[in-house]
């Protein structure tokens, strides 16, 4: 019997999904100020454990924690990933997806596409920002309008005075904006190019303006797991960039951050914070993703070490000088949780336990058995620093069959005090409010 060429990678992919080691510790062991960091587990076949996306059926929805309730703010979206609120209360949602470039035609690219498809993360990117307006204040958006179309895998957004900025996968562009308008037809003006092709492995670019609107802080993820594609492809990546808007130039503000996503100013200290996705393929228990304050000119280890000076022996040659400078993150969020969304607690009315701290959207694991993440959590702060165990806000994204009904990404505290959550696999924006 002759096996068709296409069948072979399918069989291998199924085998990969069924193989790999399992976690030896509870996910809680990798959460907090001093996470457990066991010895790395290196196997011939890395752990690949991807939850198939099935979506929300009938009246199913996430489970809100005690004292909270959840409702659909907007449905029938297309890969909603990131959220932004305009001064008049309109909500913008970046509908965006990964477009594989640089791996086409390769075996590695085929496997990447297979698992991305299973996780609901492939297809044509909508490449738009949609405006959601709750006209009567009932917690449900009555209107849904294309705000800007024809973008390139948009993610981060920011409004400074009458200029609206969008972070595409390879650039920051800007548009004129008038308060209250529901669509922008003007052509974009490029502010600055960002690291993009070739490859553009971690494609999402987030932006956050400083207080006076003179600078942007921009997240740029690595082009690899541990630099295996060559460090020449990592120029200005695995970093947070500081962009001077007036001069249209940037510098590296902090580095060694494998894949930073969410950015937030902590409301009490005005310190910059981020959430970072760490490396894979050394076991289900390593390495914890993390929440950390961002120090100017700080180096956080990638690719040479993790969680301070824990050397990753797979990376050769090493750089002992950089490892010695590697900063230990402030707070671990559990291995492979894919913590992406980040929002400071200021302005929410969900209850006293949420007064100070950070909301975090955890997109969910692909490289851990059993799954981790797939929920929204809150890390309490005291005096501008994490001060306790995380509190579940939304869970139930994984169903009884182990399939993903949704995957939370961006989180946003509305001016109304509610929390919005972009669910890119469930194609919904959820609203969390107090009972």
Protein backbone atom coordinates (compact mmCIF):
# COMPACT_ATOMS: atom_id res chain seq x y z
CA UNK A 1 0.00 0.00 0.00
CA UNK A 2 1.28 3.46 -0.91
CA UNK A 3 0.72 6.25 1.61
CA UNK A 4 -0.02 9.59 0.00
CA UNK A 5 2.56 12.30 0.86
CA UNK A 6 -0.05 14.48 2.61
CA UNK A 7 -1.07 11.62 4.90
CA UNK A 8 2.42 11.25 6.39
CA UNK A 9 2.60 14.69 8.05
CA UNK A 10 -0.99 14.28 9.23
CA UNK A 11 -0.10 11.02 10.96
CA UNK A 12 3.01 12.57 12.45
CA UNK A 13 0.99 15.56 13.70
CA UNK A 14 -1.53 13.26 15.36
CA UNK A 15 1.37 11.37 16.97
CA UNK A 16 2.88 14.62 18.22
CA UNK A 17 -0.46 15.61 19.75
CA UNK A 18 -0.61 12.33 21.62
CA UNK A 19 3.01 12.26 22.77
CA UNK A 20 5.24 14.24 25.05
CA UNK A 21 5.80 14.39 28.78
CA UNK A 22 3.32 15.68 31.36
CA UNK A 23 3.66 18.16 34.18
CA UNK A 24 4.95 16.73 37.44
CA UNK A 25 3.80 19.72 39.47
CA UNK A 26 0.57 21.65 39.83
CA UNK A 27 0.40 24.85 37.82
CA UNK A 28 0.33 26.77 41.13
CA UNK A 29 3.96 25.73 41.75
CA UNK A 30 4.97 28.03 38.91
CA UNK A 31 3.00 31.04 40.13
CA UNK A 32 4.08 33.81 42.49
CA UNK A 33 7.21 35.55 43.70
CA UNK A 34 9.51 32.50 43.79
CA UNK A 35 8.18 29.89 41.36
CA UNK A 36 9.43 26.32 41.38
CA UNK A 37 11.95 25.87 38.56
CA UNK A 38 12.60 22.12 38.19
CA UNK A 39 15.31 20.64 36.02
CA UNK A 40 14.62 21.01 32.30
CA UNK A 41 13.07 18.05 30.51
CA UNK A 42 14.39 17.64 26.98
CA UNK A 43 12.66 15.01 24.85
CA UNK A 44 13.04 13.89 21.24
CA UNK A 45 9.42 14.87 20.64
CA UNK A 46 8.44 18.14 22.35
CA UNK A 47 5.14 18.29 24.20
CA UNK A 48 2.41 19.58 21.89
CA UNK A 49 -1.02 19.62 23.51
CA UNK A 50 -3.36 21.91 21.61
CA UNK A 51 -7.02 22.40 22.52
CA UNK A 52 -9.22 22.21 19.44
CA UNK A 53 -11.41 25.29 19.11
CA UNK A 54 -15.13 24.52 19.01
CA UNK A 55 -16.64 27.91 19.92
CA UNK A 56 -19.51 28.78 22.22
CA UNK A 57 -22.68 26.77 21.64
CA UNK A 58 -26.25 27.71 22.52
CA UNK A 59 -26.21 29.71 25.77
CA UNK A 60 -22.72 28.69 26.88
CA UNK A 61 -20.48 31.44 28.20
CA UNK A 62 -17.46 31.76 30.51
CA UNK A 63 -17.90 31.28 34.24
CA UNK A 64 -17.51 34.42 36.31
CA UNK A 65 -16.15 34.13 39.84
CA UNK A 66 -18.30 34.68 42.91
CA UNK A 67 -19.69 38.18 43.13
CA UNK A 68 -19.28 38.77 39.40
CA UNK A 69 -21.41 38.22 36.31
CA UNK A 70 -20.59 38.02 32.62
CA UNK A 71 -22.51 38.84 29.47
CA UNK A 72 -21.67 39.13 25.77
CA UNK A 73 -20.88 42.76 24.99
CA UNK A 74 -20.49 41.98 21.28
CA UNK A 75 -20.69 38.77 19.24
CA UNK A 76 -20.09 37.56 15.67
CA UNK A 77 -16.70 39.24 15.49
CA UNK A 78 -13.73 37.82 13.58
CA UNK A 79 -10.68 37.12 15.70
CA UNK A 80 -11.09 40.01 18.17
CA UNK A 81 -7.72 40.34 19.90
CA UNK A 82 -7.14 43.79 21.40
CA UNK A 83 -9.31 46.53 22.90
CA UNK A 84 -9.17 50.30 23.25
CA UNK A 85 -11.65 52.85 24.63
CA UNK A 86 -12.15 56.25 23.02
CA UNK A 87 -12.92 59.36 25.13
CA UNK A 88 -16.66 59.16 24.36
CA UNK A 89 -16.86 55.55 25.57
CA UNK A 90 -16.83 53.86 22.16
CA UNK A 91 -14.90 50.59 22.24
CA UNK A 92 -12.48 49.67 19.49
CA UNK A 93 -11.55 46.06 18.85
CA UNK A 94 -8.66 44.99 16.62
CA UNK A 95 -9.83 42.02 14.55
CA UNK A 96 -6.59 40.45 13.49
CA UNK A 97 -4.87 37.16 12.80
CA UNK A 98 -1.48 35.65 12.10
CA UNK A 99 -0.51 35.34 8.47
CA UNK A 100 2.28 32.82 8.15
CA UNK A 101 5.21 34.26 6.25
CA UNK A 102 8.74 32.93 5.99
CA UNK A 103 7.88 29.26 6.62
CA UNK A 104 5.83 28.50 3.50
CA UNK A 105 6.72 25.23 1.83
CA UNK A 106 8.78 23.85 4.72
CA UNK A 107 7.98 20.86 6.91
CA UNK A 108 8.28 23.12 9.97
CA UNK A 109 5.84 25.51 8.36
CA UNK A 110 3.39 22.69 7.65
CA UNK A 111 3.38 21.54 11.28
CA UNK A 112 3.07 25.13 12.52
CA UNK A 113 0.06 25.67 10.27
CA UNK A 114 -1.51 22.36 11.37
CA UNK A 115 -1.45 23.26 15.06
CA UNK A 116 -2.34 26.90 14.45
CA UNK A 117 -5.40 25.74 12.53
CA UNK A 118 -6.40 23.37 15.32
CA UNK A 119 -6.16 26.26 17.77
CA UNK A 120 -8.27 28.51 15.54
CA UNK A 121 -5.34 30.82 14.79
CA UNK A 122 -5.11 30.65 11.00
CA UNK A 123 -7.01 31.98 8.04
CA UNK A 124 -7.14 35.32 6.33
CA UNK A 125 -6.63 38.18 8.76
CA UNK A 126 -9.63 40.56 8.93
CA UNK A 127 -7.11 43.42 9.08
CA UNK A 128 -9.57 45.88 10.57
CA UNK A 129 -10.55 47.76 13.68
CA UNK A 130 -14.25 47.68 14.54
CA UNK A 131 -16.10 50.26 16.62
CA UNK A 132 -18.60 49.00 19.22
CA UNK A 133 -21.10 51.46 20.69
CA UNK A 134 -23.39 50.80 23.66
CA UNK A 135 -25.88 53.58 23.02
CA UNK A 136 -28.26 52.93 25.93
CA UNK A 137 -25.72 51.86 28.57
CA UNK A 138 -27.15 48.38 29.11
CA UNK A 139 -23.78 46.63 28.77
CA UNK A 140 -24.42 45.38 25.23
CA UNK A 141 -23.10 47.07 22.08
CA UNK A 142 -26.05 47.93 19.85
CA UNK A 143 -23.94 49.03 16.89
CA UNK A 144 -20.89 47.48 15.27
CA UNK A 145 -19.15 49.59 12.62
CA UNK A 146 -15.95 49.10 10.60
CA UNK A 147 -13.72 51.86 11.99
CA UNK A 148 -10.57 51.34 9.91
CA UNK A 149 -10.05 48.67 7.24
CA UNK A 150 -7.15 47.55 5.08
CA UNK A 151 -4.60 47.32 7.90
CA UNK A 152 -1.85 44.68 8.29
CA UNK A 153 -2.54 42.37 11.25
CA UNK A 154 -3.30 45.32 13.59
CA UNK A 155 -2.95 44.99 17.35
CA UNK A 156 -2.09 47.93 19.62
CA UNK A 157 -4.00 51.24 19.42
CA UNK A 158 -3.60 54.70 20.94
CA UNK A 159 -5.22 58.13 20.63
CA UNK A 160 -3.10 61.22 21.26
CA UNK A 161 -5.07 64.47 20.91
CA UNK A 162 -6.68 64.23 17.46
CA UNK A 163 -4.37 61.56 16.02
CA UNK A 164 -5.19 57.85 16.18
CA UNK A 165 -2.28 55.39 16.02
CA UNK A 166 -2.32 51.70 15.09
CA UNK A 167 0.47 49.16 15.52
CA UNK A 168 0.48 46.89 12.49
CA UNK A 169 2.60 43.75 12.38
CA UNK A 170 5.45 45.72 10.81
CA UNK A 171 4.82 49.43 11.43
CA UNK A 172 3.01 52.13 13.37
CA UNK A 173 0.60 54.17 11.27
CA UNK A 174 -1.59 57.15 12.13
CA UNK A 175 -4.91 58.67 11.10
CA UNK A 176 -6.74 61.94 11.81
CA UNK A 177 -9.61 61.46 14.28
CA UNK A 178 -12.57 63.61 15.35
CA UNK A 179 -14.35 62.84 18.61
CA UNK A 180 -17.44 60.72 18.06
CA UNK A 181 -16.84 59.68 14.46
CA UNK A 182 -17.58 56.03 13.74
CA UNK A 183 -15.36 55.44 10.73
CA UNK A 184 -12.07 56.73 9.31
CA UNK A 185 -11.67 56.77 5.55
CA UNK A 186 -8.39 58.70 5.38
CA UNK A 187 -5.32 56.87 4.13
CA UNK A 188 -2.76 55.97 6.80
CA UNK A 189 0.47 57.88 7.30
CA UNK A 190 3.42 55.78 8.43
CA UNK A 191 5.06 56.95 11.63
CA UNK A 192 7.80 54.32 11.76
CA UNK A 193 8.69 50.83 10.56
CA UNK A 194 8.88 48.05 13.15
CA UNK A 195 10.77 44.73 12.96
CA UNK A 196 8.76 42.51 10.64
CA UNK A 197 9.77 40.19 7.83
CA UNK A 198 11.47 37.90 7.24
CA UNK A 199 9.47 35.41 9.30
CA UNK A 200 7.83 37.72 11.90
CA UNK A 201 7.22 34.76 14.22
CA UNK A 202 5.72 36.70 17.15
CA UNK A 203 3.77 39.16 15.07
CA UNK A 204 1.66 41.16 17.54
CA UNK A 205 2.91 44.68 18.26
CA UNK A 206 1.37 46.56 21.18
CA UNK A 207 1.78 50.28 21.88
CA UNK A 208 1.34 52.42 24.98
CA UNK A 209 1.87 56.19 25.12
CA UNK A 210 3.57 58.00 27.97
CA UNK A 211 1.73 60.65 29.98
CA UNK A 212 2.59 63.64 27.80
CA UNK A 213 2.07 61.79 24.52
CA UNK A 214 5.63 62.30 23.31
CA UNK A 215 6.70 58.65 23.28
CA UNK A 216 5.37 55.17 22.61
CA UNK A 217 6.46 51.95 24.27
CA UNK A 218 6.20 49.08 21.79
CA UNK A 219 6.31 45.32 22.37
CA UNK A 220 8.22 43.25 19.81
CA UNK A 221 8.42 39.48 20.31
CA UNK A 222 11.25 37.21 19.21
CA UNK A 223 11.47 35.47 15.84
CA UNK A 224 12.04 32.08 17.45
CA UNK A 225 11.87 29.98 20.58
CA UNK A 226 15.51 30.37 21.68
CA UNK A 227 17.24 32.06 18.76
CA UNK A 228 17.42 28.90 16.66
CA UNK A 229 16.70 30.85 13.46
CA UNK A 230 19.84 32.90 13.97
CA UNK A 231 20.36 36.00 16.08
CA UNK A 232 20.57 38.15 12.97
CA UNK A 233 16.77 37.71 12.72
CA UNK A 234 16.40 38.97 16.30
CA UNK A 235 17.62 42.52 15.72
CA UNK A 236 15.50 44.91 17.82
CA UNK A 237 13.26 41.99 18.83
CA UNK A 238 12.47 40.26 22.13
CA UNK A 239 12.30 43.79 23.45
CA UNK A 240 10.27 46.83 24.37
CA UNK A 241 11.13 49.75 22.14
CA UNK A 242 10.81 53.43 23.04
CA UNK A 243 9.60 55.46 20.04
CA UNK A 244 10.09 59.22 19.91
CA UNK A 245 6.98 60.39 18.06
CA UNK A 246 8.41 63.76 17.03
CA UNK A 247 11.69 62.48 15.58
CA UNK A 248 10.25 59.16 14.32
CA UNK A 249 13.12 57.20 15.82
CA UNK A 250 13.33 54.43 18.39
CA UNK A 251 15.73 52.83 20.81
CA UNK A 252 15.65 49.60 22.81
CA UNK A 253 14.15 50.43 26.20
CA UNK A 254 14.38 46.89 27.67
CA UNK A 255 15.54 43.59 26.16
CA UNK A 256 15.72 39.84 26.75
CA UNK A 257 11.90 39.64 26.85
CA UNK A 258 10.99 36.66 24.65
CA UNK A 259 7.45 37.74 23.75
CA UNK A 260 6.06 40.75 25.64
CA UNK A 261 2.43 41.65 24.88
CA UNK A 262 0.33 43.58 27.36
CA UNK A 263 1.63 46.93 28.59
CA UNK A 264 0.23 49.04 31.43
CA UNK A 265 1.17 51.96 33.64
CA UNK A 266 0.72 50.98 37.28
CA UNK A 267 -1.66 53.64 38.59
CA UNK A 268 0.05 54.36 41.94
CA UNK A 269 3.73 54.43 40.97
CA UNK A 270 3.36 55.21 37.22
CA UNK A 271 5.83 52.39 36.57
CA UNK A 272 5.66 50.53 33.23
CA UNK A 273 4.63 46.85 33.50
CA UNK A 274 4.36 44.05 30.96
CA UNK A 275 3.40 40.38 30.65
CA UNK A 276 5.82 38.07 28.82
CA UNK A 277 5.49 34.63 27.21
CA UNK A 278 8.57 32.56 27.98
CA UNK A 279 10.28 29.74 26.04
CA UNK A 280 9.08 26.20 25.21
CA UNK A 281 10.38 22.66 24.74
CA UNK A 282 12.01 22.03 28.13
CA UNK A 283 8.97 20.48 29.74
CA UNK A 284 5.44 21.20 30.88
CA UNK A 285 6.74 22.76 34.12
CA UNK A 286 9.11 25.24 32.45
CA UNK A 287 9.33 28.15 31.90
CA UNK A 288 6.79 30.31 33.76
CA UNK A 289 5.36 33.24 31.86
CA UNK A 290 5.57 36.36 33.98
CA UNK A 291 4.36 39.80 34.98
CA UNK A 292 7.12 42.32 35.62
CA UNK A 293 7.94 45.97 36.01
CA UNK A 294 10.10 47.15 33.14
CA UNK A 295 13.44 48.73 34.01
CA UNK A 296 15.01 51.11 31.52
CA UNK A 297 18.00 49.37 29.86
CA UNK A 298 17.06 46.21 31.77
CA UNK A 299 17.90 42.76 30.36
CA UNK A 300 15.58 39.86 31.25
CA UNK A 301 17.54 36.83 30.07
CA UNK A 302 16.28 35.69 26.67
CA UNK A 303 17.61 33.63 25.02
CA UNK A 304 20.60 32.81 27.24
CA UNK A 305 18.84 32.38 30.56
CA UNK A 306 15.42 32.42 32.15
CA UNK A 307 14.03 33.76 35.42
CA UNK A 308 17.27 35.49 36.24
CA UNK A 309 20.46 33.45 35.92
CA UNK A 310 18.99 30.02 35.07
CA UNK A 311 21.09 29.24 32.01
CA UNK A 312 19.39 27.59 29.02
CA UNK A 313 22.07 25.11 27.98
CA UNK A 314 20.45 24.65 24.55
CA UNK A 315 21.61 28.13 23.56
CA UNK A 316 25.14 28.07 22.19
CA UNK A 317 27.27 30.07 22.29
CA UNK A 318 26.33 31.48 25.67
CA UNK A 319 26.81 35.05 26.87
CA UNK A 320 27.95 35.02 30.49
CA UNK A 321 28.16 38.80 30.68
CA UNK A 322 24.49 39.23 29.77
CA UNK A 323 23.37 36.34 31.99
CA UNK A 324 25.03 38.03 34.96
CA UNK A 325 22.88 41.11 34.29
CA UNK A 326 19.61 39.22 33.78
CA UNK A 327 16.80 40.62 35.94
CA UNK A 328 14.52 38.23 37.80
CA UNK A 329 10.88 39.06 36.93
CA UNK A 330 8.54 40.31 39.65
CA UNK A 331 5.82 37.66 39.49
CA UNK A 332 5.44 34.28 37.75
CA UNK A 333 2.15 33.43 36.04
CA UNK A 334 2.55 29.70 35.42
CA UNK A 335 4.23 27.80 32.61
CA UNK A 336 2.81 28.09 29.09
CA UNK A 337 -0.25 30.09 30.17
CA UNK A 338 0.25 32.47 27.20
CA UNK A 339 -0.47 35.52 29.32
CA UNK A 340 -1.21 38.29 26.80
CA UNK A 341 -3.73 40.84 28.05
CA UNK A 342 -2.85 43.36 30.76
CA UNK A 343 -4.87 46.16 32.35
CA UNK A 344 -4.33 48.17 35.51
CA UNK A 345 -7.22 47.94 37.98
CA UNK A 346 -7.83 51.67 38.23
CA UNK A 347 -11.46 52.63 37.66
CA UNK A 348 -13.05 49.20 37.94
CA UNK A 349 -16.08 48.59 40.18
CA UNK A 350 -15.91 44.80 40.45
CA UNK A 351 -15.35 44.75 44.22
CA UNK A 352 -12.87 45.61 46.97
CA UNK A 353 -10.55 42.69 46.16
CA UNK A 354 -9.90 44.29 42.76
CA UNK A 355 -9.01 47.76 44.02
CA UNK A 356 -5.31 47.68 43.14
CA UNK A 357 -3.52 45.30 40.82
CA UNK A 358 -3.54 43.96 37.28
CA UNK A 359 -6.07 42.03 35.19
CA UNK A 360 -4.42 39.48 32.89
CA UNK A 361 -5.87 37.60 29.92
CA UNK A 362 -4.32 34.13 29.60
CA UNK A 363 -4.73 32.84 26.04
CA UNK A 364 -3.96 29.24 27.02
CA UNK A 365 -1.21 26.66 26.55
CA UNK A 366 -0.09 24.64 23.53
CA UNK A 367 2.97 23.08 25.15
CA UNK A 368 1.75 21.79 28.51
CA UNK A 369 -0.03 18.64 29.59
CA UNK A 370 -2.49 19.25 31.20
CA UNK A 371 -3.57 22.63 29.87
CA UNK A 372 -2.77 25.87 31.66
CA UNK A 373 -4.17 29.37 31.26
CA UNK A 374 -7.46 29.70 29.34
CA UNK A 375 -8.81 32.21 31.85
CA UNK A 376 -8.70 35.79 33.08
CA UNK A 377 -6.99 36.41 36.42
CA UNK A 378 -6.29 39.33 38.72
CA UNK A 379 -2.98 39.82 40.55
CA UNK A 380 -3.48 42.06 43.62
CA UNK A 381 -0.96 44.83 44.32
CA UNK A 382 0.06 46.78 47.42
CA UNK A 383 2.18 49.92 47.13
CA UNK A 384 2.66 49.32 43.43
CA UNK A 385 3.89 45.70 43.67
CA UNK A 386 2.24 42.25 43.51
CA UNK A 387 1.14 41.26 47.00
CA UNK A 388 -0.76 37.99 46.92
CA UNK A 389 -2.12 35.01 45.07
CA UNK A 390 -3.95 35.54 41.78
CA UNK A 391 -7.74 35.64 41.79
CA UNK A 392 -9.73 33.95 39.02
CA UNK A 393 -12.04 36.39 37.23
CA UNK A 394 -13.27 34.32 34.27
CA UNK A 395 -12.78 30.62 33.61
CA UNK A 396 -14.63 27.84 31.77
CA UNK A 397 -13.02 28.47 28.37
CA UNK A 398 -12.11 24.74 28.18
CA UNK A 399 -15.17 22.45 28.06
CA UNK A 400 -15.67 18.99 29.56
CA UNK A 401 -14.23 17.37 26.42
CA UNK A 402 -10.99 19.33 26.67
CA UNK A 403 -11.89 21.57 23.73
CA UNK A 404 -11.57 25.35 23.71
CA UNK A 405 -14.83 27.27 23.58
CA UNK A 406 -12.83 30.48 23.56
CA UNK A 407 -9.41 31.98 24.27
CA UNK A 408 -9.11 35.29 26.16
CA UNK A 409 -6.63 37.88 24.91
CA UNK A 410 -7.01 41.62 25.51
CA UNK A 411 -8.54 43.03 28.72
CA UNK A 412 -9.81 46.56 29.27
CA UNK A 413 -11.29 48.40 32.26
CA UNK A 414 -14.10 50.55 30.87
CA UNK A 415 -14.89 54.04 32.10
CA UNK A 416 -18.17 52.48 33.33
CA UNK A 417 -16.15 50.26 35.72
CA UNK A 418 -16.77 46.97 33.93
CA UNK A 419 -14.05 44.71 32.53
CA UNK A 420 -14.09 43.83 28.82
CA UNK A 421 -12.35 40.70 27.52
CA UNK A 422 -11.55 40.00 23.86
CA UNK A 423 -12.07 36.30 23.07
CA UNK A 424 -10.43 35.69 19.71
CA UNK A 425 -11.40 32.03 19.36
CA UNK A 426 -14.98 32.57 20.56
CA UNK A 427 -15.33 35.70 18.38
CA UNK A 428 -16.88 37.57 21.29
CA UNK A 429 -16.12 40.50 23.56
CA UNK A 430 -17.26 39.59 27.08
CA UNK A 431 -18.25 42.10 29.75
CA UNK A 432 -17.60 41.32 33.41
CA UNK A 433 -19.46 43.35 36.03
CA UNK A 434 -20.37 43.14 39.72
CA UNK A 435 -23.44 41.11 40.71
